[in-house]
Each structure stands twice: as C-alpha cells, then as structure tokens.
Amino acid sequence: MWVTKLDVQRVQNFDKIKKFSDCLCSETKIGLSFNGNYIRTLYTTGAKQKELCVGYLLYEGLIEKDTALKIGDFSPDYTLNIDAPKSNDDLSATLDSLEKKTSVKPEEKKDFIITRSQVFLLTAFFQEKAMLFKQTAITESAAIADTDSILAFGEDLSGEQAVCKALGIWRGLKVDKTLCSTPILISSAKLSIDLVMKGYRLGISRFISRVAPTLAAYEFAIANNISLIGFSRNKKFTVYTNPGKEVRL
C-alpha cells in the first residue's frame, strides 16, 4: 500500500474547520549493500526499489552504465545486495575522482535541437505520470527522455531518489537504441550542481526542471555547454543556457 488515508481537520481562515480524508505517502525502509559493503539506508516508496538501488550506485559513480551486475533479492531485513565482480572495492576513494570524471565532455550529437512544442509535450507527459504527487502532493519525480517521449520515469520521496529510480530504469532498458545519444533529464526538483555534474558524467547534458537551477549549476552548465531549462510548467519555460542554439525559441 503506497498511500494511506487519514481523517484530518483543516482550518480555513479564522472561523472554519473542515473534516476530510487526506492521503499520506507510505515509506519503506530498505538497505543497500554493494559487493558485501553496506552503503546506505533508504526510505522510499513501494515501487521500483531495485531500480532505485541500481540507479543510486550509478548516480554516485560506484558503477558505470555498462557494468555487469549480479542483483540478489531483498533479505529478511529488507537489504538488497548488488555485486559487481570487476568493480573497485575501495569505496572510500570512489567519489574523490568525481571532479575529474565530470571534466570529460560527453560525446555530442551536433544536430540536437529541441523545440518549444517538444518541451511543452515532454512537460505534459511528465506531469501526467506523477500519480503519487497527485494523491499526496509531497513526492518528487524525474525522467530520462528523448525529444519526443519519456523513456524512464521515477517517483519518490526526494528529488535525488526520483533521479536514481529513473536512472536505474533507464539502465535496465532492453532495447539498445532507446539509450539515446542525447538523453534529457527532467526533474520536478531544483537543478543543483550535484545533479548537473553527476548527470553530465553519465553523458547527460540537457536538463529540464519545474523549478530553477542553482548558480553553481548554471556556471557549470555555461562552462560545459550544457542546456538548462527551468520553470517548465504548462506552456511556459525559462531557458538559462543555449537559447537559440539547442533550444529553439
């Protein structure tokens, strides 16, 4: 059960109290172990929990998109162990090289263009999929898309975990051609420097958000020719980088 209904009271103005049923998102506590090392405890929604764990490893640079994985089942204490036999077991040093990894620019597809109509449609598809948010108003969403469709969608209790779910689903897609050379990351949360840098390391250099980027994310995007679109809602959006170059206005 992902949502639990509760009877609550809502105060309106100074003289009205209304009784109604509210929906709260249920949380599940899971553990993630990688190559026998316990990595993190996650509080998540009930859907796509294995994909969340795989996406987390990918997001944090512990695995690559093509790393061979052996994914087990959840243990009785709800811990998932993922093994990557050929990976680096020195986890303490893994994130130290993130800055170096992000300095390598992803392969560019020179003819990439996204039009305002495509941004509008992607935003509409993205909002339509956010079913938990429509029920609870507290979840965040993320997606990997091409210019015409949503390829992988994740919804969770934080923006980071939603991104990890989307990445985990994207990585597991069976048809190679859907792993497009110019993926777009869509997020309901802010475009932070952490998100943009880690997405860039994975070959993602186009981002769309329902809100804004941070200044550090904007400066990193300018330096690395990354396209940032913010406040994409209904039929309006703000272009922060590459206006007219990749984003056709």
Protein backbone atom coordinates (compact mmCIF):
# COMPACT_ATOMS: atom_id res chain seq x y z
CA MET A 1 0.00 0.00 0.00
CA TRP A 2 1.75 3.15 -1.21
CA VAL A 3 -0.81 5.61 0.15
CA THR A 4 -2.66 5.65 3.48
CA LYS A 5 -5.82 7.67 4.05
CA LEU A 6 -6.30 9.54 7.32
CA ASP A 7 -9.18 11.58 8.71
CA VAL A 8 -7.89 15.07 9.49
CA GLN A 9 -9.19 18.56 10.12
CA ARG A 10 -8.36 21.57 8.00
CA VAL A 11 -8.51 25.09 9.39
CA GLN A 12 -9.74 27.73 6.95
CA ASN A 13 -9.50 31.42 7.78
CA PHE A 14 -10.43 32.21 11.40
CA ASP A 15 -13.83 30.59 11.63
CA LYS A 16 -13.93 27.38 9.59
CA ILE A 17 -12.80 23.85 10.42
CA LYS A 18 -13.40 21.20 7.79
CA LYS A 19 -13.12 17.44 8.25
CA PHE A 20 -11.83 15.44 5.30
CA SER A 21 -9.67 12.46 4.31
CA ASP A 22 -6.05 13.16 3.45
CA CYS A 23 -3.60 10.79 1.69
CA LEU A 24 -0.13 10.24 3.13
CA CYS A 25 2.64 8.51 1.21
CA SER A 26 3.83 5.30 2.87
CA GLU A 27 7.57 4.81 3.38
CA THR A 28 9.56 1.59 3.23
CA LYS A 29 12.98 1.29 4.87
CA ILE A 30 15.48 -0.58 2.70
CA GLY A 31 19.20 -1.16 2.91
CA LEU A 32 21.70 -1.20 0.06
CA SER A 33 24.83 -3.36 0.11
CA PHE A 34 27.41 -3.29 -2.68
CA ASN A 35 29.99 -6.07 -3.03
CA GLY A 36 29.31 -7.02 0.58
CA ASN A 37 29.76 -3.45 1.91
CA TYR A 38 26.74 -1.76 3.46
CA ILE A 39 26.26 1.53 1.58
CA ARG A 40 23.14 3.30 2.73
CA THR A 41 19.69 3.11 4.30
CA LEU A 42 16.93 4.50 2.07
CA TYR A 43 13.35 5.43 2.90
CA THR A 44 11.39 5.00 -0.29
CA THR A 45 8.02 4.36 -1.85
CA GLY A 46 6.96 0.84 -2.73
CA ALA A 47 7.67 0.92 -6.48
CA LYS A 48 10.89 0.11 -8.36
CA GLN A 49 13.06 -0.41 -5.30
CA LYS A 50 15.72 -2.50 -7.06
CA GLU A 51 15.93 0.11 -9.81
CA LEU A 52 16.39 2.77 -7.11
CA CYS A 53 19.37 0.88 -5.70
CA VAL A 54 21.00 0.33 -9.09
CA GLY A 55 20.38 3.97 -10.02
CA TYR A 56 21.92 5.13 -6.74
CA LEU A 57 25.13 3.22 -7.49
CA LEU A 58 25.19 4.72 -10.98
CA TYR A 59 24.43 8.25 -9.73
CA GLU A 60 27.22 8.10 -7.15
CA GLY A 61 29.78 6.75 -9.62
CA LEU A 62 30.13 3.33 -7.97
CA ILE A 63 29.22 1.61 -11.24
CA GLU A 64 29.12 2.59 -14.90
CA LYS A 65 26.24 2.26 -17.36
CA ASP A 66 27.69 -0.98 -18.74
CA THR A 67 28.96 -2.55 -15.50
CA ALA A 68 27.93 -6.21 -15.22
CA LEU A 69 25.82 -6.64 -12.08
CA LYS A 70 24.51 -9.54 -10.05
CA ILE A 71 21.37 -8.31 -8.27
CA GLY A 72 20.02 -10.51 -5.50
CA ASP A 73 16.70 -10.48 -3.70
CA PHE A 74 15.87 -8.45 -0.63
CA SER A 75 16.93 -10.19 2.59
CA PRO A 76 14.54 -10.71 5.53
CA ASP A 77 15.72 -7.37 6.99
CA TYR A 78 15.00 -5.81 3.57
CA THR A 79 18.58 -5.24 2.48
CA LEU A 80 19.49 -5.67 -1.17
CA ASN A 81 22.99 -6.81 -2.11
CA ILE A 82 24.34 -5.95 -5.54
CA ASP A 83 27.61 -7.46 -6.73
CA ALA A 84 29.85 -6.15 -9.49
CA PRO A 85 32.75 -8.60 -9.61
CA LYS A 86 35.05 -6.39 -11.70
CA SER A 87 34.42 -3.14 -9.83
CA ASN A 88 36.71 -1.25 -7.49
CA ASP A 89 36.11 -2.38 -3.91
CA ASP A 90 37.83 0.69 -2.42
CA LEU A 91 34.63 2.64 -1.89
CA SER A 92 36.31 5.38 0.14
CA ALA A 93 38.19 6.57 -2.94
CA THR A 94 35.36 6.27 -5.44
CA LEU A 95 33.85 9.74 -5.13
CA ASP A 96 37.21 11.53 -4.87
CA SER A 97 37.57 11.40 -8.65
CA LEU A 98 34.13 12.89 -9.42
CA GLU A 99 35.57 16.28 -10.42
CA LYS A 100 37.95 14.62 -12.86
CA LYS A 101 35.17 12.48 -14.32
CA THR A 102 32.96 15.49 -14.96
CA SER A 103 35.77 17.25 -16.83
CA VAL A 104 35.38 14.81 -19.72
CA LYS A 105 32.71 16.14 -22.06
CA PRO A 106 30.10 13.62 -23.29
CA GLU A 107 30.01 12.81 -26.99
CA GLU A 108 27.92 15.45 -28.71
CA LYS A 109 25.22 14.89 -31.27
CA LYS A 110 25.72 18.02 -33.38
CA ASP A 111 22.23 18.18 -34.82
CA PHE A 112 20.47 18.17 -31.44
CA ILE A 113 17.60 20.66 -31.32
CA ILE A 114 14.59 20.75 -29.02
CA THR A 115 11.66 22.99 -29.92
CA ARG A 116 9.25 24.76 -27.61
CA SER A 117 6.48 22.35 -28.69
CA GLN A 118 8.62 19.38 -27.68
CA VAL A 119 9.36 20.95 -24.29
CA PHE A 120 5.64 21.57 -23.76
CA LEU A 121 4.78 17.96 -24.67
CA LEU A 122 7.53 16.44 -22.53
CA THR A 123 6.39 18.55 -19.59
CA ALA A 124 2.80 17.40 -20.09
CA PHE A 125 3.81 13.72 -20.34
CA PHE A 126 5.99 14.15 -17.24
CA GLN A 127 3.24 15.72 -15.14
CA GLU A 128 0.73 13.09 -16.26
CA LYS A 129 2.92 10.29 -14.89
CA ALA A 130 3.26 11.81 -11.39
CA MET A 131 0.43 9.78 -9.87
CA LEU A 132 1.73 9.76 -6.28
CA PHE A 133 2.15 13.51 -6.32
CA LYS A 134 -1.46 13.92 -7.44
CA GLN A 135 -2.55 11.87 -4.42
CA THR A 136 -0.17 13.21 -1.77
CA ALA A 137 1.43 16.45 -3.08
CA ILE A 138 4.78 15.56 -1.48
CA THR A 139 6.68 13.32 -3.90
CA GLU A 140 9.29 14.34 -6.45
CA SER A 141 9.60 12.99 -9.99
CA ALA A 142 12.38 12.51 -12.54
CA ALA A 143 12.63 11.10 -16.03
CA ILE A 144 15.07 10.28 -18.79
CA ALA A 145 13.67 11.34 -22.16
CA ASP A 146 14.49 11.98 -25.76
CA THR A 147 12.99 14.94 -27.59
CA ASP A 148 9.69 13.16 -28.22
CA SER A 149 8.97 10.77 -25.35
CA ILE A 150 9.65 9.73 -21.77
CA LEU A 151 11.98 6.70 -21.75
CA ALA A 152 12.19 6.09 -17.99
CA PHE A 153 10.21 7.66 -15.12
CA GLY A 154 10.78 7.57 -11.38
CA GLU A 155 8.82 9.00 -8.46
CA ASP A 156 9.99 9.01 -4.86
CA LEU A 157 10.20 10.97 -1.62
CA SER A 158 13.17 13.13 -2.66
CA GLY A 159 14.43 14.57 -5.90
CA GLU A 160 17.67 12.58 -5.69
CA GLN A 161 15.87 9.27 -5.20
CA ALA A 162 13.48 10.03 -8.05
CA VAL A 163 16.50 10.63 -10.31
CA CYS A 164 18.10 7.40 -9.11
CA LYS A 165 14.93 5.44 -9.93
CA ALA A 166 14.78 6.94 -13.41
CA LEU A 167 18.47 6.14 -13.97
CA GLY A 168 18.03 2.58 -12.74
CA ILE A 169 15.08 2.02 -15.07
CA TRP A 170 16.93 3.68 -17.98
CA ARG A 171 19.98 1.49 -17.44
CA GLY A 172 17.83 -1.63 -17.49
CA LEU A 173 16.09 -0.91 -20.78
CA LYS A 174 16.48 -3.92 -23.06
CA VAL A 175 16.47 -2.19 -26.43
CA ASP A 176 19.84 -0.54 -27.01
CA LYS A 177 18.51 2.12 -29.39
CA THR A 178 16.41 3.63 -26.59
CA LEU A 179 19.64 4.55 -24.79
CA CYS A 180 19.70 7.65 -26.98
CA SER A 181 22.93 9.55 -27.53
CA THR A 182 21.35 12.82 -26.39
CA PRO A 183 19.29 11.98 -23.29
CA ILE A 184 17.38 14.68 -21.42
CA LEU A 185 16.97 14.55 -17.64
CA ILE A 186 13.67 16.00 -16.42
CA SER A 187 13.20 16.77 -12.72
CA SER A 188 10.46 18.24 -10.57
CA ALA A 189 13.16 19.43 -8.15
CA LYS A 190 15.84 22.10 -8.49
CA LEU A 191 18.80 21.62 -10.83
CA SER A 192 21.58 21.52 -8.24
CA ILE A 193 25.29 21.44 -9.00
CA ASP A 194 25.37 17.88 -7.67
CA LEU A 195 22.64 16.74 -10.07
CA VAL A 196 24.06 18.52 -13.12
CA MET A 197 27.63 17.34 -12.51
CA LYS A 198 26.64 13.73 -11.91
CA GLY A 199 24.24 13.72 -14.83
CA TYR A 200 26.96 15.19 -17.06
CA ARG A 201 29.35 12.41 -16.02
CA LEU A 202 26.74 9.92 -17.27
CA GLY A 203 26.54 11.61 -20.67
CA ILE A 204 23.52 13.82 -19.93
CA SER A 205 23.93 17.44 -20.99
CA ARG A 206 20.29 18.56 -21.32
CA PHE A 207 18.17 19.23 -18.24
CA ILE A 208 14.58 20.36 -17.76
CA SER A 209 13.11 21.27 -14.36
CA ARG A 210 9.83 22.53 -12.98
CA VAL A 211 11.87 24.99 -10.90
CA ALA A 212 15.26 26.72 -11.29
CA PRO A 213 18.94 25.79 -11.35
CA THR A 214 21.31 26.97 -8.65
CA LEU A 215 24.01 29.49 -9.55
CA ALA A 216 26.75 26.87 -9.30
CA ALA A 217 24.81 24.57 -11.64
CA TYR A 218 24.31 27.46 -14.07
CA GLU A 219 28.03 28.34 -14.06
CA PHE A 220 28.99 24.69 -14.57
CA ALA A 221 26.50 24.46 -17.45
CA ILE A 222 27.92 27.58 -19.13
CA ALA A 223 31.46 26.20 -18.85
CA ASN A 224 30.50 22.81 -20.30
CA ASN A 225 27.90 23.74 -22.95
CA ILE A 226 25.03 22.15 -21.01
CA SER A 227 21.45 23.16 -21.79
CA LEU A 228 19.33 24.11 -18.77
CA ILE A 229 15.58 24.78 -18.91
CA GLY A 230 13.74 25.77 -15.73
CA PHE A 231 10.20 26.58 -14.62
CA SER A 232 8.78 24.26 -17.28
CA ARG A 233 5.10 24.22 -16.41
CA ASN A 234 2.07 24.07 -18.66
CA LYS A 235 3.03 26.12 -21.72
CA LYS A 236 5.90 28.22 -20.43
CA PHE A 237 9.55 27.69 -19.51
CA THR A 238 12.76 29.64 -18.89
CA VAL A 239 15.90 28.98 -20.95
CA TYR A 240 19.03 29.54 -18.85
CA THR A 241 21.69 28.32 -21.30
CA ASN A 242 21.99 27.71 -25.05
CA PRO A 243 18.94 29.76 -26.14
CA GLY A 244 18.54 29.50 -29.89
CA LYS A 245 21.44 27.04 -30.17
CA GLU A 246 19.97 23.80 -28.87
CA VAL A 247 16.70 25.21 -27.55
CA ARG A 248 14.77 26.63 -30.50
CA LEU A 249 12.62 29.53 -29.28
